[in-house]
Amino acid sequence: MITGEGSPILTLTVWKSLQSLYRFTYSGLHKQALQDRNKWFESLQERQPNYVVWWTEKLTDV
C-alpha cells in the first residue's frame, strides 16, 4: 500500500527489449525531460525505486 499526499504518477509501457527501452529513456526529448524533472517534481526525502521492469515471453501475460 502506498500512502502519502497527492496522486501517484503511474505509467505502463510495453517494450520488445531492454535495449529499446534504454534507447528511448536516455535519448531525445525524454532524456531532456529526465534532466529537467527537478523543475516539476519535489525530491523524495528517502530513496525509493522509480522503475519496475519485468519481462515475459508471452504477450498475453501483460
PDB file of N, CA and C in Angstrom:
ATOM      1  N   MET A   1       0.838  -1.172   0.000  1.00  0.00           N
ATOM      2  CA  MET A   1       0.000   0.000   0.000  1.00  0.00           C
ATOM      3  C   MET A   1       0.888   1.242   0.000  1.00  0.00           C
ATOM      4  N   ILE A   2       0.534   2.215  -0.830  1.00  0.00           N
ATOM      5  CA  ILE A   2       1.260   3.475  -0.912  1.00  0.00           C
ATOM      6  C   ILE A   2       0.458   4.524  -0.143  1.00  0.00           C
ATOM      7  N   THR A   3       1.121   5.226   0.762  1.00  0.00           N
ATOM      8  CA  THR A   3       0.443   6.287   1.497  1.00  0.00           C
ATOM      9  C   THR A   3       1.166   7.599   1.256  1.00  0.00           C
ATOM     10  N   GLY A   4       0.465   8.678   1.470  1.00  0.00           N
ATOM     11  CA  GLY A   4       1.074   9.990   1.294  1.00  0.00           C
ATOM     12  C   GLY A   4       0.081  10.966   0.706  1.00  0.00           C
ATOM     13  N   GLU A   5       0.538  12.167   0.512  1.00  0.00           N
ATOM     14  CA  GLU A   5      -0.310  13.205  -0.056  1.00  0.00           C
ATOM     15  C   GLU A   5      -0.169  13.227  -1.570  1.00  0.00           C
ATOM     16  N   GLY A   6      -1.216  13.646  -2.248  1.00  0.00           N
ATOM     17  CA  GLY A   6      -1.156  13.761  -3.699  1.00  0.00           C
ATOM     18  C   GLY A   6      -1.433  12.444  -4.394  1.00  0.00           C
ATOM     19  N   SER A   7      -1.388  12.495  -5.687  1.00  0.00           N
ATOM     20  CA  SER A   7      -1.655  11.314  -6.510  1.00  0.00           C
ATOM     21  C   SER A   7      -0.358  10.752  -7.063  1.00  0.00           C
ATOM     22  N   PRO A   8      -0.225   9.436  -7.093  1.00  0.00           N
ATOM     23  CA  PRO A   8       0.978   8.860  -7.713  1.00  0.00           C
ATOM     24  C   PRO A   8       0.918   9.022  -9.226  1.00  0.00           C
ATOM     25  N   ILE A   9       2.073   9.085  -9.845  1.00  0.00           N
ATOM     26  CA  ILE A   9       2.150   9.126 -11.301  1.00  0.00           C
ATOM     27  C   ILE A   9       2.448   7.705 -11.757  1.00  0.00           C
ATOM     28  N   LEU A  10       1.538   7.124 -12.490  1.00  0.00           N
ATOM     29  CA  LEU A  10       1.673   5.740 -12.916  1.00  0.00           C
ATOM     30  C   LEU A  10       1.705   5.665 -14.430  1.00  0.00           C
ATOM     31  N   THR A  11       2.620   4.906 -14.956  1.00  0.00           N
ATOM     32  CA  THR A  11       2.733   4.704 -16.392  1.00  0.00           C
ATOM     33  C   THR A  11       3.041   3.237 -16.641  1.00  0.00           C
ATOM     34  N   LEU A  12       2.368   2.648 -17.591  1.00  0.00           N
ATOM     35  CA  LEU A  12       2.646   1.279 -18.002  1.00  0.00           C
ATOM     36  C   LEU A  12       2.997   1.305 -19.482  1.00  0.00           C
ATOM     37  N   THR A  13       4.159   0.807 -19.824  1.00  0.00           N
ATOM     38  CA  THR A  13       4.549   0.696 -21.222  1.00  0.00           C
ATOM     39  C   THR A  13       5.044  -0.719 -21.473  1.00  0.00           C
ATOM     40  N   VAL A  14       4.918  -1.160 -22.697  1.00  0.00           N
ATOM     41  CA  VAL A  14       5.370  -2.487 -23.095  1.00  0.00           C
ATOM     42  C   VAL A  14       6.456  -2.304 -24.149  1.00  0.00           C
ATOM     43  N   TRP A  15       7.597  -2.936 -23.925  1.00  0.00           N
ATOM     44  CA  TRP A  15       8.743  -2.819 -24.824  1.00  0.00           C
ATOM     45  C   TRP A  15       9.143  -4.203 -25.300  1.00  0.00           C
ATOM     46  N   LYS A  16       9.685  -4.263 -26.505  1.00  0.00           N
ATOM     47  CA  LYS A  16      10.134  -5.540 -27.053  1.00  0.00           C
ATOM     48  C   LYS A  16      11.469  -5.977 -26.466  1.00  0.00           C
ATOM     49  N   SER A  17      12.271  -5.014 -25.986  1.00  0.00           N
ATOM     50  CA  SER A  17      13.577  -5.369 -25.439  1.00  0.00           C
ATOM     51  C   SER A  17      14.027  -4.294 -24.454  1.00  0.00           C
ATOM     52  N   LEU A  18      14.941  -4.665 -23.557  1.00  0.00           N
ATOM     53  CA  LEU A  18      15.511  -3.688 -22.640  1.00  0.00           C
ATOM     54  C   LEU A  18      16.321  -2.640 -23.402  1.00  0.00           C
ATOM     55  N   GLN A  19      16.949  -3.044 -24.502  1.00  0.00           N
ATOM     56  CA  GLN A  19      17.728  -2.105 -25.289  1.00  0.00           C
ATOM     57  C   GLN A  19      16.844  -0.993 -25.872  1.00  0.00           C
ATOM     58  N   SER A  20      15.667  -1.342 -26.375  1.00  0.00           N
ATOM     59  CA  SER A  20      14.789  -0.313 -26.945  1.00  0.00           C
ATOM     60  C   SER A  20      14.250   0.605 -25.847  1.00  0.00           C
ATOM     61  N   LEU A  21      13.982   0.067 -24.680  1.00  0.00           N
ATOM     62  CA  LEU A  21      13.576   0.893 -23.547  1.00  0.00           C
ATOM     63  C   LEU A  21      14.694   1.859 -23.167  1.00  0.00           C
ATOM     64  N   TYR A  22      15.906   1.377 -23.083  1.00  0.00           N
ATOM     65  CA  TYR A  22      17.056   2.209 -22.727  1.00  0.00           C
ATOM     66  C   TYR A  22      17.265   3.323 -23.754  1.00  0.00           C
ATOM     67  N   ARG A  23      17.191   2.976 -25.037  1.00  0.00           N
ATOM     68  CA  ARG A  23      17.380   3.987 -26.092  1.00  0.00           C
ATOM     69  C   ARG A  23      16.338   5.094 -25.974  1.00  0.00           C
ATOM     70  N   PHE A  24      15.090   4.728 -25.734  1.00  0.00           N
ATOM     71  CA  PHE A  24      14.039   5.734 -25.576  1.00  0.00           C
ATOM     72  C   PHE A  24      14.283   6.593 -24.337  1.00  0.00           C
ATOM     73  N   THR A  25      14.583   5.954 -23.218  1.00  0.00           N
ATOM     74  CA  THR A  25      14.703   6.646 -21.942  1.00  0.00           C
ATOM     75  C   THR A  25      15.821   7.674 -21.949  1.00  0.00           C
ATOM     76  N   TYR A  26      16.958   7.326 -22.536  1.00  0.00           N
ATOM     77  CA  TYR A  26      18.143   8.172 -22.422  1.00  0.00           C
ATOM     78  C   TYR A  26      18.536   8.845 -23.724  1.00  0.00           C
ATOM     79  N   SER A  27      17.533   9.228 -24.539  1.00  0.00           N
ATOM     80  CA  SER A  27      17.819   9.983 -25.755  1.00  0.00           C
ATOM     81  C   SER A  27      16.687  10.970 -26.035  1.00  0.00           C
ATOM     82  N   GLY A  28      16.977  11.921 -26.867  1.00  0.00           N
ATOM     83  CA  GLY A  28      15.967  12.847 -27.365  1.00  0.00           C
ATOM     84  C   GLY A  28      15.254  13.654 -26.297  1.00  0.00           C
ATOM     85  N   LEU A  29      13.969  13.913 -26.544  1.00  0.00           N
ATOM     86  CA  LEU A  29      13.167  14.736 -25.644  1.00  0.00           C
ATOM     87  C   LEU A  29      12.977  14.093 -24.281  1.00  0.00           C
ATOM     88  N   HIS A  30      12.906  12.761 -24.234  1.00  0.00           N
ATOM     89  CA  HIS A  30      12.728  12.093 -22.945  1.00  0.00           C
ATOM     90  C   HIS A  30      13.965  12.292 -22.066  1.00  0.00           C
ATOM     91  N   LYS A  31      15.139  12.233 -22.655  1.00  0.00           N
ATOM     92  CA  LYS A  31      16.370  12.489 -21.911  1.00  0.00           C
ATOM     93  C   LYS A  31      16.350  13.906 -21.329  1.00  0.00           C
ATOM     94  N   GLN A  32      15.940  14.872 -22.126  1.00  0.00           N
ATOM     95  CA  GLN A  32      15.857  16.254 -21.651  1.00  0.00           C
ATOM     96  C   GLN A  32      14.853  16.377 -20.509  1.00  0.00           C
ATOM     97  N   ALA A  33      13.709  15.705 -20.627  1.00  0.00           N
ATOM     98  CA  ALA A  33      12.708  15.743 -19.554  1.00  0.00           C
ATOM     99  C   ALA A  33      13.267  15.152 -18.267  1.00  0.00           C
ATOM    100  N   LEU A  34      14.018  14.070 -18.356  1.00  0.00           N
ATOM    101  CA  LEU A  34      14.630  13.487 -17.163  1.00  0.00           C
ATOM    102  C   LEU A  34      15.603  14.462 -16.511  1.00  0.00           C
ATOM    103  N   GLN A  35      16.354  15.176 -17.322  1.00  0.00           N
ATOM    104  CA  GLN A  35      17.318  16.132 -16.786  1.00  0.00           C
ATOM    105  C   GLN A  35      16.617  17.307 -16.102  1.00  0.00           C
ATOM    106  N   ASP A  36      15.411  17.643 -16.557  1.00  0.00           N
ATOM    107  CA  ASP A  36      14.669  18.786 -16.019  1.00  0.00           C
ATOM    108  C   ASP A  36      13.617  18.398 -14.986  1.00  0.00           C
ATOM    109  N   ARG A  37      13.536  17.128 -14.600  1.00  0.00           N
ATOM    110  CA  ARG A  37      12.439  16.677 -13.740  1.00  0.00           C
ATOM    111  C   ARG A  37      12.383  17.386 -12.397  1.00  0.00           C
ATOM    112  N   ASN A  38      13.521  17.856 -11.879  1.00  0.00           N
ATOM    113  CA  ASN A  38      13.504  18.550 -10.597  1.00  0.00           C
ATOM    114  C   ASN A  38      12.784  19.893 -10.666  1.00  0.00           C
ATOM    115  N   LYS A  39      12.555  20.403 -11.874  1.00  0.00           N
ATOM    116  CA  LYS A  39      11.783  21.636 -12.037  1.00  0.00           C
ATOM    117  C   LYS A  39      10.296  21.396 -11.765  1.00  0.00           C
ATOM    118  N   TRP A  40       9.838  20.145 -11.978  1.00  0.00           N
ATOM    119  CA  TRP A  40       8.404  19.852 -11.886  1.00  0.00           C
ATOM    120  C   TRP A  40       8.034  19.004 -10.673  1.00  0.00           C
ATOM    121  N   PHE A  41       8.967  18.225 -10.162  1.00  0.00           N
ATOM    122  CA  PHE A  41       8.668  17.299  -9.077  1.00  0.00           C
ATOM    123  C   PHE A  41       9.532  17.600  -7.866  1.00  0.00           C
ATOM    124  N   GLU A  42       8.954  17.453  -6.685  1.00  0.00           N
ATOM    125  CA  GLU A  42       9.717  17.614  -5.457  1.00  0.00           C
ATOM    126  C   GLU A  42      10.600  16.384  -5.258  1.00  0.00           C
ATOM    127  N   SER A  43      11.748  16.609  -4.656  1.00  0.00           N
ATOM    128  CA  SER A  43      12.643  15.495  -4.353  1.00  0.00           C
ATOM    129  C   SER A  43      12.044  14.654  -3.229  1.00  0.00           C
ATOM    130  N   LEU A  44      12.240  13.347  -3.309  1.00  0.00           N
ATOM    131  CA  LEU A  44      11.795  12.462  -2.243  1.00  0.00           C
ATOM    132  C   LEU A  44      12.789  12.528  -1.095  1.00  0.00           C
ATOM    133  N   GLN A  45      12.291  12.536   0.121  1.00  0.00           N
ATOM    134  CA  GLN A  45      13.160  12.587   1.288  1.00  0.00           C
ATOM    135  C   GLN A  45      14.013  11.322   1.406  1.00  0.00           C
ATOM    136  N   GLU A  46      13.455  10.206   1.043  1.00  0.00           N
ATOM    137  CA  GLU A  46      14.196   8.943   1.093  1.00  0.00           C
ATOM    138  C   GLU A  46      14.210   8.326  -0.297  1.00  0.00           C
ATOM    139  N   ARG A  47      15.238   7.577  -0.584  1.00  0.00           N
ATOM    140  CA  ARG A  47      15.342   6.959  -1.913  1.00  0.00           C
ATOM    141  C   ARG A  47      14.325   5.836  -2.026  1.00  0.00           C
ATOM    142  N   GLN A  48      13.582   5.856  -3.089  1.00  0.00           N
ATOM    143  CA  GLN A  48      12.592   4.829  -3.365  1.00  0.00           C
ATOM    144  C   GLN A  48      12.780   4.389  -4.808  1.00  0.00           C
ATOM    145  N   PRO A  49      12.386   3.158  -5.125  1.00  0.00           N
ATOM    146  CA  PRO A  49      12.508   2.718  -6.518  1.00  0.00           C
ATOM    147  C   PRO A  49      11.641   3.586  -7.432  1.00  0.00           C
ATOM    148  N   ASN A  50      12.192   3.955  -8.586  1.00  0.00           N
ATOM    149  CA  ASN A  50      11.454   4.766  -9.556  1.00  0.00           C
ATOM    150  C   ASN A  50      10.839   3.927 -10.659  1.00  0.00           C
ATOM    151  N   TYR A  51      11.446   2.769 -10.917  1.00  0.00           N
ATOM    152  CA  TYR A  51      11.010   1.946 -12.040  1.00  0.00           C
ATOM    153  C   TYR A  51      10.864   0.499 -11.583  1.00  0.00           C
ATOM    154  N   VAL A  52       9.961  -0.183 -12.227  1.00  0.00           N
ATOM    155  CA  VAL A  52       9.834  -1.623 -12.068  1.00  0.00           C
ATOM    156  C   VAL A  52       9.847  -2.213 -13.470  1.00  0.00           C
ATOM    157  N   VAL A  53      10.675  -3.210 -13.691  1.00  0.00           N
ATOM    158  CA  VAL A  53      10.776  -3.842 -15.005  1.00  0.00           C
ATOM    159  C   VAL A  53      10.583  -5.335 -14.822  1.00  0.00           C
ATOM    160  N   TRP A  54       9.721  -5.921 -15.630  1.00  0.00           N
ATOM    161  CA  TRP A  54       9.624  -7.372 -15.669  1.00  0.00           C
ATOM    162  C   TRP A  54       9.455  -7.784 -17.105  1.00  0.00           C
ATOM    163  N   TRP A  55       9.762  -9.010 -17.390  1.00  0.00           N
ATOM    164  CA  TRP A  55       9.684  -9.470 -18.766  1.00  0.00           C
ATOM    165  C   TRP A  55       8.996 -10.816 -18.820  1.00  0.00           C
ATOM    166  N   THR A  56       8.467 -11.079 -19.993  1.00  0.00           N
ATOM    167  CA  THR A  56       7.781 -12.333 -20.243  1.00  0.00           C
ATOM    168  C   THR A  56       7.942 -12.687 -21.707  1.00  0.00           C
ATOM    169  N   GLU A  57       7.895 -13.933 -22.007  1.00  0.00           N
ATOM    170  CA  GLU A  57       7.947 -14.380 -23.395  1.00  0.00           C
ATOM    171  C   GLU A  57       6.573 -14.315 -24.056  1.00  0.00           C
ATOM    172  N   LYS A  58       5.516 -14.300 -23.242  1.00  0.00           N
ATOM    173  CA  LYS A  58       4.166 -14.319 -23.782  1.00  0.00           C
ATOM    174  C   LYS A  58       3.493 -12.957 -23.614  1.00  0.00           C
ATOM    175  N   LEU A  59       3.127 -12.330 -24.710  1.00  0.00           N
ATOM    176  CA  LEU A  59       2.466 -11.050 -24.664  1.00  0.00           C
ATOM    177  C   LEU A  59       1.154 -11.129 -23.903  1.00  0.00           C
ATOM    178  N   THR A  60       0.509 -12.272 -23.892  1.00  0.00           N
ATOM    179  CA  THR A  60      -0.760 -12.414 -23.192  1.00  0.00           C
ATOM    180  C   THR A  60      -0.613 -12.266 -21.688  1.00  0.00           C
ATOM    181  N   ASP A  61       0.619 -12.382 -21.162  1.00  0.00           N
ATOM    182  CA  ASP A  61       0.846 -12.180 -19.733  1.00  0.00           C
ATOM    183  C   ASP A  61       0.696 -10.718 -19.326  1.00  0.00           C
ATOM    184  N   VAL A  62       0.838  -9.824 -20.294  1.00  0.00           N
ATOM    185  CA  VAL A  62       0.784  -8.387 -19.981  1.00  0.00           C
ATOM    186  C   VAL A  62      -0.622  -8.018 -19.817  1.00  0.00           C
TER     187      VAL A  62
END
